[in-house]
Protein backbone atom coordinates (compact mmCIF):
# COMPACT_ATOMS: atom_id res chain seq x y z
CA MET A 1 0.00 0.00 0.00
CA LEU A 2 2.87 2.36 0.81
CA LEU A 3 4.46 1.60 -2.56
CA PHE A 4 1.19 2.39 -4.33
CA ALA A 5 0.92 5.72 -2.49
CA LEU A 6 4.50 6.58 -3.40
CA LEU A 7 3.94 5.75 -7.07
CA TRP A 8 0.72 7.76 -7.08
CA ALA A 9 2.55 10.75 -5.57
CA ILE A 10 5.19 10.50 -8.29
CA VAL A 11 2.54 10.38 -11.02
CA VAL A 12 0.74 13.39 -9.53
CA GLU A 13 4.04 15.31 -9.33
CA PHE A 14 4.92 14.59 -12.98
CA VAL A 15 1.45 15.52 -14.20
CA SER A 16 1.46 18.78 -12.25
CA ARG A 17 4.93 19.65 -13.59
CA TYR A 18 3.78 18.90 -17.14
CA LEU A 19 0.69 21.07 -16.75
CA MET A 20 2.77 23.89 -15.28
CA TYR A 21 5.23 23.66 -18.20
CA LYS A 22 2.33 23.67 -20.67
CA ARG A 23 0.79 26.77 -19.03
CA GLN A 24 4.17 28.53 -19.14
CA ARG A 25 4.51 27.76 -22.87
CA VAL A 26 1.02 29.06 -23.59
CA LEU A 27 1.76 32.20 -21.60
CA ALA A 28 5.06 32.71 -23.45
CA ASP A 29 3.28 32.29 -26.79
CA LEU A 30 0.61 34.80 -25.80
CA ARG A 31 3.29 37.28 -24.74
CA ALA A 32 5.04 36.87 -28.09
CA GLN A 33 1.78 37.42 -29.97
CA PHE A 34 0.98 40.48 -27.87
CA SER A 35 4.43 41.89 -28.53
CA GLU A 36 4.03 41.37 -32.28
CA LEU A 37 0.57 42.97 -32.30
CA THR A 38 1.84 45.92 -30.30
CA ARG A 39 4.72 46.40 -32.74
CA LEU A 40 2.39 46.24 -35.75
CA ASN A 41 -0.05 48.65 -34.11
CA THR A 42 2.73 51.14 -33.43
CA MET A 43 3.97 50.88 -37.01
CA GLY A 44 0.41 51.52 -38.25
CA GLU A 45 0.02 54.59 -36.05
CA ILE A 46 3.36 56.01 -37.20
CA THR A 47 2.48 55.34 -40.85
CA ALA A 48 -0.95 56.96 -40.45
CA GLY A 49 0.67 60.02 -38.89
CA MET A 50 3.20 60.32 -41.70
CA VAL A 51 0.51 59.96 -44.39
CA HIS A 52 -1.64 62.54 -42.64
CA GLU A 53 1.23 65.03 -42.50
CA LEU A 54 2.16 64.43 -46.15
CA ASN A 55 -1.44 64.89 -47.29
CA HIS A 56 -1.83 67.97 -45.16
CA ARG A 57 1.27 69.58 -46.67
CA LEU A 58 0.42 68.57 -50.24
CA LEU A 59 -3.13 69.91 -50.01
CA ARG A 60 -1.87 73.24 -48.69
CA PHE A 61 -0.30 74.12 -52.05
C-alpha cells in the first residue's frame, strides 16, 4: 500500500509539472503574440501620422 501511495505521488508530481510547463509555454506564446501585435499597431500609427502630414502639406499648395 505504501508503494502504491509513493507511485501515485510520483505520477501526480509529474502531471502537475507537465501542466505547469504547458501553461508557461502558452503564456510565453501569448506574450510573443501580444508583442508582435503591439509592434504592428505602433507601425500603423506612425504610418498613419506620416501619411496625414504628407497629405496635409500637399493639399496646402
